[in-house]
N, C-alpha and C. Protein backbone atom coordinates (compact mmCIF):
# COMPACT_ATOMS: atom_id res chain seq x y z
N MET A 1 221.21 195.37 197.22
CA MET A 1 219.89 194.82 197.04
C MET A 1 219.85 193.84 195.86
N LEU A 2 220.62 194.15 194.83
CA LEU A 2 220.68 193.24 193.69
C LEU A 2 221.36 191.93 194.05
N MET A 3 222.40 192.02 194.87
CA MET A 3 223.08 190.80 195.31
C MET A 3 222.17 189.95 196.19
N VAL A 4 221.41 190.58 197.05
CA VAL A 4 220.46 189.85 197.89
C VAL A 4 219.44 189.14 197.00
N ALA A 5 218.94 189.85 195.99
CA ALA A 5 217.96 189.25 195.08
C ALA A 5 218.58 188.10 194.29
N ALA A 6 219.84 188.26 193.89
CA ALA A 6 220.50 187.22 193.10
C ALA A 6 220.69 185.93 193.88
N PHE A 7 220.97 186.05 195.18
CA PHE A 7 221.26 184.87 195.97
C PHE A 7 220.15 184.55 196.99
N GLY A 8 219.07 185.30 196.95
CA GLY A 8 218.01 185.13 197.94
C GLY A 8 217.03 184.03 197.67
N GLY A 9 217.11 183.40 196.52
CA GLY A 9 216.24 182.27 196.23
C GLY A 9 214.93 182.67 195.58
N ARG A 10 213.99 181.73 195.63
CA ARG A 10 212.71 181.86 194.93
C ARG A 10 211.90 183.08 195.35
N ARG A 11 212.04 183.46 196.58
CA ARG A 11 211.26 184.58 197.11
C ARG A 11 211.51 185.87 196.32
N PHE A 12 212.72 186.02 195.77
CA PHE A 12 213.09 187.23 195.04
C PHE A 12 212.88 187.08 193.53
N ARG A 13 212.36 185.93 193.09
CA ARG A 13 212.23 185.69 191.65
C ARG A 13 210.80 185.86 191.13
N PHE A 14 209.80 185.57 191.95
CA PHE A 14 208.42 185.77 191.51
C PHE A 14 207.52 185.96 192.71
N GLY A 15 206.36 186.52 192.44
CA GLY A 15 205.39 186.78 193.49
C GLY A 15 205.39 188.23 193.93
N THR A 16 204.53 188.52 194.87
CA THR A 16 204.33 189.88 195.35
C THR A 16 205.60 190.45 195.99
N PHE A 17 206.25 189.65 196.82
CA PHE A 17 207.47 190.13 197.48
C PHE A 17 208.53 190.50 196.44
N ALA A 18 208.69 189.68 195.41
CA ALA A 18 209.69 189.95 194.37
C ALA A 18 209.36 191.23 193.63
N MET A 19 208.08 191.48 193.37
CA MET A 19 207.67 192.70 192.68
C MET A 19 207.98 193.93 193.54
N VAL A 20 207.67 193.85 194.82
CA VAL A 20 207.97 194.96 195.73
C VAL A 20 209.48 195.17 195.80
N TRP A 21 210.25 194.10 195.83
CA TRP A 21 211.71 194.21 195.87
C TRP A 21 212.24 194.90 194.61
N LEU A 22 211.70 194.53 193.45
CA LEU A 22 212.10 195.18 192.19
C LEU A 22 211.78 196.67 192.24
N PHE A 23 210.62 197.04 192.73
CA PHE A 23 210.27 198.46 192.83
C PHE A 23 211.21 199.18 193.79
N ALA A 24 211.57 198.52 194.90
CA ALA A 24 212.49 199.12 195.86
C ALA A 24 213.88 199.32 195.24
N VAL A 25 214.35 198.32 194.47
CA VAL A 25 215.63 198.45 193.78
C VAL A 25 215.60 199.63 192.81
N ALA A 26 214.51 199.73 192.05
CA ALA A 26 214.38 200.84 191.10
C ALA A 26 214.34 202.18 191.82
N LEU A 27 213.66 202.24 192.96
CA LEU A 27 213.61 203.48 193.74
C LEU A 27 214.99 203.88 194.23
N VAL A 28 215.73 202.94 194.78
CA VAL A 28 217.07 203.24 195.30
C VAL A 28 218.00 203.70 194.17
N ILE A 29 217.95 203.02 193.03
CA ILE A 29 218.77 203.42 191.89
C ILE A 29 218.35 204.81 191.42
N GLY A 30 217.06 205.06 191.34
CA GLY A 30 216.56 206.38 190.93
C GLY A 30 216.97 207.49 191.88
N LEU A 31 216.89 207.22 193.18
CA LEU A 31 217.32 208.23 194.17
C LEU A 31 218.82 208.49 194.07
N GLY A 32 219.58 207.46 193.78
CA GLY A 32 221.03 207.63 193.64
C GLY A 32 221.41 208.38 192.38
N LEU A 33 220.69 208.14 191.29
CA LEU A 33 221.02 208.80 190.02
C LEU A 33 220.39 210.18 189.87
N GLY A 34 219.34 210.45 190.61
CA GLY A 34 218.62 211.72 190.49
C GLY A 34 219.50 212.95 190.56
N PRO A 35 220.32 213.10 191.60
CA PRO A 35 221.17 214.31 191.69
C PRO A 35 222.17 214.42 190.53
N ILE A 36 222.71 213.30 190.08
CA ILE A 36 223.67 213.33 188.97
C ILE A 36 222.98 213.77 187.70
N ILE A 37 221.82 213.19 187.43
CA ILE A 37 221.08 213.55 186.22
C ILE A 37 220.62 215.00 186.29
N SER A 38 220.17 215.45 187.46
CA SER A 38 219.76 216.84 187.64
C SER A 38 220.91 217.80 187.35
N PHE A 39 222.08 217.48 187.87
CA PHE A 39 223.26 218.31 187.62
C PHE A 39 223.59 218.35 186.14
N LEU A 40 223.58 217.19 185.48
CA LEU A 40 223.92 217.14 184.06
C LEU A 40 222.88 217.84 183.20
N VAL A 41 221.61 217.75 183.57
CA VAL A 41 220.56 218.46 182.83
C VAL A 41 220.80 219.97 182.90
N ALA A 42 221.25 220.43 184.06
CA ALA A 42 221.50 221.87 184.24
C ALA A 42 222.77 222.34 183.54
N THR A 43 223.78 221.47 183.48
CA THR A 43 225.08 221.91 182.94
C THR A 43 225.37 221.40 181.53
N GLU A 44 224.95 220.19 181.22
CA GLU A 44 225.23 219.59 179.92
C GLU A 44 224.01 218.82 179.42
N PRO A 45 222.94 219.51 179.05
CA PRO A 45 221.71 218.80 178.67
C PRO A 45 221.88 217.90 177.43
N ALA A 46 222.77 218.26 176.53
CA ALA A 46 222.98 217.45 175.34
C ALA A 46 223.54 216.07 175.70
N THR A 47 224.33 216.01 176.77
CA THR A 47 224.89 214.74 177.21
C THR A 47 223.79 213.77 177.63
N ILE A 48 222.82 214.27 178.36
CA ILE A 48 221.70 213.44 178.80
C ILE A 48 220.88 212.98 177.59
N THR A 49 220.62 213.90 176.68
CA THR A 49 219.84 213.57 175.49
C THR A 49 220.54 212.50 174.66
N GLN A 50 221.83 212.65 174.46
CA GLN A 50 222.59 211.67 173.67
C GLN A 50 222.62 210.31 174.37
N ALA A 51 222.85 210.30 175.66
CA ALA A 51 222.89 209.03 176.40
C ALA A 51 221.53 208.34 176.39
N ALA A 52 220.47 209.11 176.57
CA ALA A 52 219.12 208.52 176.57
C ALA A 52 218.77 207.99 175.17
N GLY A 53 219.08 208.75 174.14
CA GLY A 53 218.80 208.30 172.78
C GLY A 53 219.62 207.07 172.41
N GLY A 54 220.90 207.09 172.78
CA GLY A 54 221.75 205.94 172.51
C GLY A 54 221.28 204.70 173.25
N THR A 55 220.84 204.88 174.48
CA THR A 55 220.32 203.76 175.28
C THR A 55 219.08 203.18 174.61
N ALA A 56 218.18 204.06 174.18
CA ALA A 56 216.95 203.60 173.52
C ALA A 56 217.27 202.82 172.25
N LEU A 57 218.20 203.33 171.45
CA LEU A 57 218.55 202.64 170.20
C LEU A 57 219.20 201.27 170.46
N ILE A 58 220.09 201.23 171.45
CA ILE A 58 220.75 199.96 171.77
C ILE A 58 219.75 198.93 172.29
N VAL A 59 218.86 199.36 173.18
CA VAL A 59 217.87 198.42 173.73
C VAL A 59 216.92 197.96 172.62
N LEU A 60 216.50 198.86 171.77
CA LEU A 60 215.62 198.49 170.66
C LEU A 60 216.31 197.50 169.73
N GLY A 61 217.54 197.79 169.36
CA GLY A 61 218.27 196.91 168.46
C GLY A 61 218.57 195.55 169.05
N MET A 62 219.09 195.54 170.27
CA MET A 62 219.46 194.27 170.89
C MET A 62 218.22 193.46 171.27
N GLY A 63 217.18 194.12 171.73
CA GLY A 63 215.93 193.41 172.06
C GLY A 63 215.32 192.79 170.81
N SER A 64 215.30 193.54 169.72
CA SER A 64 214.76 193.02 168.46
C SER A 64 215.58 191.84 167.96
N LEU A 65 216.89 191.97 168.03
CA LEU A 65 217.76 190.88 167.60
C LEU A 65 217.56 189.64 168.48
N GLY A 66 217.41 189.87 169.78
CA GLY A 66 217.17 188.75 170.70
C GLY A 66 215.89 187.99 170.37
N PHE A 67 214.84 188.74 170.02
CA PHE A 67 213.59 188.09 169.63
C PHE A 67 213.73 187.40 168.28
N ALA A 68 214.50 187.98 167.37
CA ALA A 68 214.59 187.47 166.00
C ALA A 68 215.46 186.22 165.88
N LEU A 69 216.49 186.11 166.71
CA LEU A 69 217.40 184.97 166.58
C LEU A 69 216.71 183.67 166.95
N SER A 70 216.90 182.66 166.13
CA SER A 70 216.29 181.37 166.42
C SER A 70 217.17 180.53 167.36
N LYS A 71 218.44 180.86 167.44
CA LYS A 71 219.37 180.12 168.31
C LYS A 71 219.07 180.45 169.78
N ASP A 72 219.14 179.44 170.62
CA ASP A 72 218.92 179.62 172.06
C ASP A 72 220.21 180.15 172.70
N LEU A 73 220.15 181.33 173.30
CA LEU A 73 221.32 181.98 173.89
C LEU A 73 221.36 181.90 175.41
N ALA A 74 220.50 181.09 176.01
CA ALA A 74 220.38 181.03 177.47
C ALA A 74 221.69 180.69 178.16
N LYS A 75 222.54 179.90 177.52
CA LYS A 75 223.79 179.49 178.16
C LYS A 75 224.75 180.66 178.38
N TRP A 76 224.53 181.78 177.71
CA TRP A 76 225.39 182.95 177.85
C TRP A 76 225.00 183.87 179.00
N MET A 77 223.83 183.62 179.60
CA MET A 77 223.32 184.52 180.63
C MET A 77 224.25 184.62 181.85
N ARG A 78 224.65 183.51 182.40
CA ARG A 78 225.48 183.52 183.60
C ARG A 78 226.88 184.08 183.33
N PRO A 79 227.59 183.63 182.28
CA PRO A 79 228.92 184.20 182.05
C PRO A 79 228.90 185.71 181.79
N LEU A 80 227.92 186.17 181.02
CA LEU A 80 227.82 187.61 180.77
C LEU A 80 227.52 188.38 182.05
N SER A 81 226.64 187.84 182.88
CA SER A 81 226.31 188.50 184.15
C SER A 81 227.54 188.61 185.05
N LEU A 82 228.33 187.55 185.11
CA LEU A 82 229.54 187.57 185.92
C LEU A 82 230.57 188.55 185.37
N LEU A 83 230.68 188.63 184.06
CA LEU A 83 231.61 189.59 183.46
C LEU A 83 231.17 191.03 183.72
N VAL A 84 229.87 191.31 183.62
CA VAL A 84 229.37 192.66 183.94
C VAL A 84 229.65 192.98 185.40
N PHE A 85 229.39 192.03 186.28
CA PHE A 85 229.65 192.24 187.70
C PHE A 85 231.13 192.57 187.94
N GLY A 86 232.01 191.81 187.31
CA GLY A 86 233.45 192.08 187.44
C GLY A 86 233.83 193.45 186.91
N ALA A 87 233.28 193.84 185.78
CA ALA A 87 233.58 195.15 185.20
C ALA A 87 233.06 196.28 186.09
N VAL A 88 231.91 196.08 186.69
CA VAL A 88 231.37 197.10 187.61
C VAL A 88 232.26 197.22 188.85
N ILE A 89 232.74 196.11 189.36
CA ILE A 89 233.65 196.14 190.51
C ILE A 89 234.94 196.88 190.14
N VAL A 90 235.50 196.58 188.97
CA VAL A 90 236.71 197.29 188.52
C VAL A 90 236.44 198.78 188.40
N SER A 91 235.30 199.14 187.83
CA SER A 91 234.93 200.55 187.70
C SER A 91 234.80 201.22 189.07
N LEU A 92 234.17 200.53 190.01
CA LEU A 92 234.02 201.07 191.36
C LEU A 92 235.37 201.29 192.03
N VAL A 93 236.27 200.33 191.88
CA VAL A 93 237.61 200.46 192.45
C VAL A 93 238.34 201.66 191.83
N LEU A 94 238.21 201.83 190.52
CA LEU A 94 238.85 202.96 189.85
C LEU A 94 238.30 204.30 190.36
N VAL A 95 237.00 204.36 190.57
CA VAL A 95 236.40 205.60 191.08
C VAL A 95 236.83 205.86 192.51
N LEU A 96 236.83 204.82 193.34
CA LEU A 96 237.18 204.99 194.75
C LEU A 96 238.64 205.39 194.96
N PHE A 97 239.51 204.96 194.10
CA PHE A 97 240.93 205.26 194.27
C PHE A 97 241.41 206.40 193.38
N GLY A 98 240.47 207.23 192.95
CA GLY A 98 240.82 208.51 192.36
C GLY A 98 241.19 208.56 190.90
N SER A 99 241.19 207.45 190.20
CA SER A 99 241.55 207.54 188.78
C SER A 99 240.33 207.78 187.91
N GLY A 100 239.16 207.86 188.50
CA GLY A 100 237.94 208.17 187.75
C GLY A 100 237.45 206.99 186.96
N GLY A 101 236.35 207.22 186.25
CA GLY A 101 235.77 206.18 185.42
C GLY A 101 236.54 206.05 184.12
N SER A 102 236.98 204.88 183.81
CA SER A 102 237.75 204.63 182.61
C SER A 102 236.82 204.45 181.41
N PRO A 103 237.12 205.13 180.29
CA PRO A 103 236.31 204.92 179.08
C PRO A 103 236.37 203.47 178.59
N ILE A 104 237.49 202.80 178.81
CA ILE A 104 237.61 201.41 178.38
C ILE A 104 236.67 200.53 179.19
N VAL A 105 236.62 200.75 180.50
CA VAL A 105 235.71 199.97 181.34
C VAL A 105 234.26 200.29 180.96
N SER A 106 233.98 201.55 180.66
CA SER A 106 232.62 201.92 180.23
C SER A 106 232.24 201.21 178.93
N LEU A 107 233.18 201.13 178.00
CA LEU A 107 232.92 200.40 176.75
C LEU A 107 232.67 198.92 177.00
N ILE A 108 233.43 198.34 177.92
CA ILE A 108 233.25 196.93 178.25
C ILE A 108 231.87 196.71 178.88
N ILE A 109 231.50 197.56 179.85
CA ILE A 109 230.19 197.44 180.49
C ILE A 109 229.08 197.65 179.46
N LEU A 110 229.25 198.62 178.58
CA LEU A 110 228.28 198.88 177.52
C LEU A 110 228.08 197.65 176.64
N GLY A 111 229.17 197.06 176.19
CA GLY A 111 229.08 195.89 175.32
C GLY A 111 228.47 194.69 176.02
N LEU A 112 228.90 194.44 177.25
CA LEU A 112 228.38 193.28 177.98
C LEU A 112 226.90 193.46 178.35
N SER A 113 226.52 194.67 178.75
CA SER A 113 225.11 194.92 179.09
C SER A 113 224.23 194.83 177.85
N SER A 114 224.75 195.28 176.71
CA SER A 114 224.00 195.14 175.45
C SER A 114 223.81 193.67 175.11
N ALA A 115 224.85 192.88 175.29
CA ALA A 115 224.74 191.44 175.04
C ALA A 115 223.75 190.79 175.99
N LEU A 116 223.72 191.26 177.24
CA LEU A 116 222.74 190.71 178.20
C LEU A 116 221.31 191.04 177.79
N ILE A 117 221.09 192.22 177.24
CA ILE A 117 219.75 192.57 176.75
C ILE A 117 219.36 191.58 175.65
N LEU A 118 220.27 191.32 174.73
CA LEU A 118 220.03 190.36 173.66
C LEU A 118 219.65 189.00 174.24
N VAL A 119 220.43 188.51 175.19
CA VAL A 119 220.19 187.20 175.79
C VAL A 119 218.87 187.18 176.57
N ASP A 120 218.59 188.25 177.32
CA ASP A 120 217.34 188.31 178.09
C ASP A 120 216.11 188.26 177.18
N PHE A 121 216.14 189.02 176.09
CA PHE A 121 214.99 189.01 175.18
C PHE A 121 214.89 187.68 174.44
N ASN A 122 216.01 187.07 174.13
CA ASN A 122 216.00 185.76 173.52
C ASN A 122 215.40 184.73 174.48
N TYR A 123 215.80 184.80 175.75
CA TYR A 123 215.26 183.91 176.77
C TYR A 123 213.76 184.13 176.93
N LEU A 124 213.35 185.40 176.89
CA LEU A 124 211.94 185.75 177.00
C LEU A 124 211.13 185.07 175.89
N ARG A 125 211.67 185.08 174.70
CA ARG A 125 210.98 184.47 173.56
C ARG A 125 210.95 182.94 173.66
N LYS A 126 212.04 182.34 174.07
CA LYS A 126 212.19 180.89 173.98
C LYS A 126 211.70 180.13 175.21
N HIS A 127 211.89 180.69 176.40
CA HIS A 127 211.68 179.89 177.61
C HIS A 127 210.74 180.50 178.66
N ALA A 128 210.55 181.78 178.64
CA ALA A 128 209.95 182.48 179.78
C ALA A 128 208.49 182.09 180.04
N THR A 129 208.19 182.01 181.32
CA THR A 129 206.82 181.85 181.80
C THR A 129 206.52 183.04 182.70
N GLU A 130 205.33 183.08 183.25
CA GLU A 130 205.00 184.20 184.14
C GLU A 130 205.89 184.21 185.38
N ASP A 131 206.44 183.07 185.77
CA ASP A 131 207.34 183.03 186.92
C ASP A 131 208.70 183.66 186.63
N ASP A 132 209.02 183.88 185.36
CA ASP A 132 210.30 184.48 184.98
C ASP A 132 210.23 185.99 184.78
N ALA A 133 209.03 186.54 184.80
CA ALA A 133 208.86 187.95 184.42
C ALA A 133 209.63 188.91 185.32
N ILE A 134 209.61 188.70 186.62
CA ILE A 134 210.22 189.67 187.52
C ILE A 134 211.74 189.63 187.44
N TRP A 135 212.35 188.44 187.45
CA TRP A 135 213.81 188.41 187.38
C TRP A 135 214.31 188.85 186.02
N LEU A 136 213.55 188.57 184.94
CA LEU A 136 213.95 189.08 183.63
C LEU A 136 213.82 190.60 183.58
N ALA A 137 212.74 191.13 184.14
CA ALA A 137 212.56 192.59 184.18
C ALA A 137 213.68 193.25 184.98
N THR A 138 214.08 192.63 186.08
CA THR A 138 215.18 193.17 186.87
C THR A 138 216.46 193.20 186.06
N GLY A 139 216.76 192.10 185.38
CA GLY A 139 217.97 192.04 184.56
C GLY A 139 217.97 193.05 183.44
N ILE A 140 216.84 193.19 182.76
CA ILE A 140 216.74 194.16 181.67
C ILE A 140 216.87 195.57 182.21
N PHE A 141 216.22 195.86 183.33
CA PHE A 141 216.30 197.20 183.93
C PHE A 141 217.73 197.55 184.30
N VAL A 142 218.43 196.63 184.95
CA VAL A 142 219.81 196.89 185.36
C VAL A 142 220.71 197.06 184.13
N SER A 143 220.48 196.27 183.10
CA SER A 143 221.27 196.43 181.87
C SER A 143 221.03 197.79 181.23
N ILE A 144 219.78 198.24 181.23
CA ILE A 144 219.47 199.56 180.66
C ILE A 144 220.17 200.66 181.45
N VAL A 145 220.13 200.57 182.77
CA VAL A 145 220.82 201.57 183.60
C VAL A 145 222.32 201.53 183.33
N ASN A 146 222.90 200.34 183.21
CA ASN A 146 224.34 200.23 182.91
C ASN A 146 224.68 200.84 181.56
N ILE A 147 223.85 200.60 180.56
CA ILE A 147 224.08 201.18 179.23
C ILE A 147 224.01 202.69 179.31
N PHE A 148 222.98 203.22 179.97
CA PHE A 148 222.82 204.67 180.09
C PHE A 148 224.02 205.31 180.80
N LEU A 149 224.43 204.71 181.91
CA LEU A 149 225.57 205.27 182.65
C LEU A 149 226.87 205.16 181.87
N SER A 150 227.04 204.06 181.14
CA SER A 150 228.25 203.92 180.31
C SER A 150 228.28 204.98 179.22
N LEU A 151 227.14 205.21 178.58
CA LEU A 151 227.07 206.24 177.54
C LEU A 151 227.29 207.64 178.12
N LEU A 152 226.77 207.88 179.32
CA LEU A 152 227.04 209.17 179.99
C LEU A 152 228.54 209.34 180.23
N ASN A 153 229.17 208.32 180.74
CA ASN A 153 230.60 208.39 181.01
C ASN A 153 231.40 208.59 179.73
N LEU A 154 231.03 207.88 178.68
CA LEU A 154 231.74 208.00 177.41
C LEU A 154 231.56 209.38 176.77
N SER A 155 230.37 209.94 176.89
CA SER A 155 230.14 211.26 176.28
C SER A 155 230.80 212.38 177.07
N ARG A 156 231.12 212.13 178.32
CA ARG A 156 231.79 213.14 179.14
C ARG A 156 233.30 212.99 179.10
N SER A 157 233.79 211.89 178.53
CA SER A 157 235.24 211.64 178.49
C SER A 157 235.93 212.48 177.44
């Protein structure tokens, strides 16, 4: 669904359809993560607490820094997005072929997603209009989920 939104054009970037698509993406991600989070809450509740707290601190710090920086970071958005996509593909391949989630890949995804939060908030401050709200919210949401999952993987390693 994220790939469709990325390449689907204007229809997925603003307006009612884009908002419904964002809600659908969030629902699918939530349904996919629900059983994992439920299991971890039952077996390792401290892991969830640490990952959630770490995610909140990273988003707060990077978002604040993004707003505070006077330099325009918009040119970093596409390269960082492509690097995160590549790291997620590598992580998926590692999981599918039995070697599990690598802590190194989790650190890479964590760092790149944190940088994307910084760039998204910087873009929000410098360039954003109401037409940018949905695609920026989608990017920030996906980065937050990536940070949370990376921290979960790192705390379980």
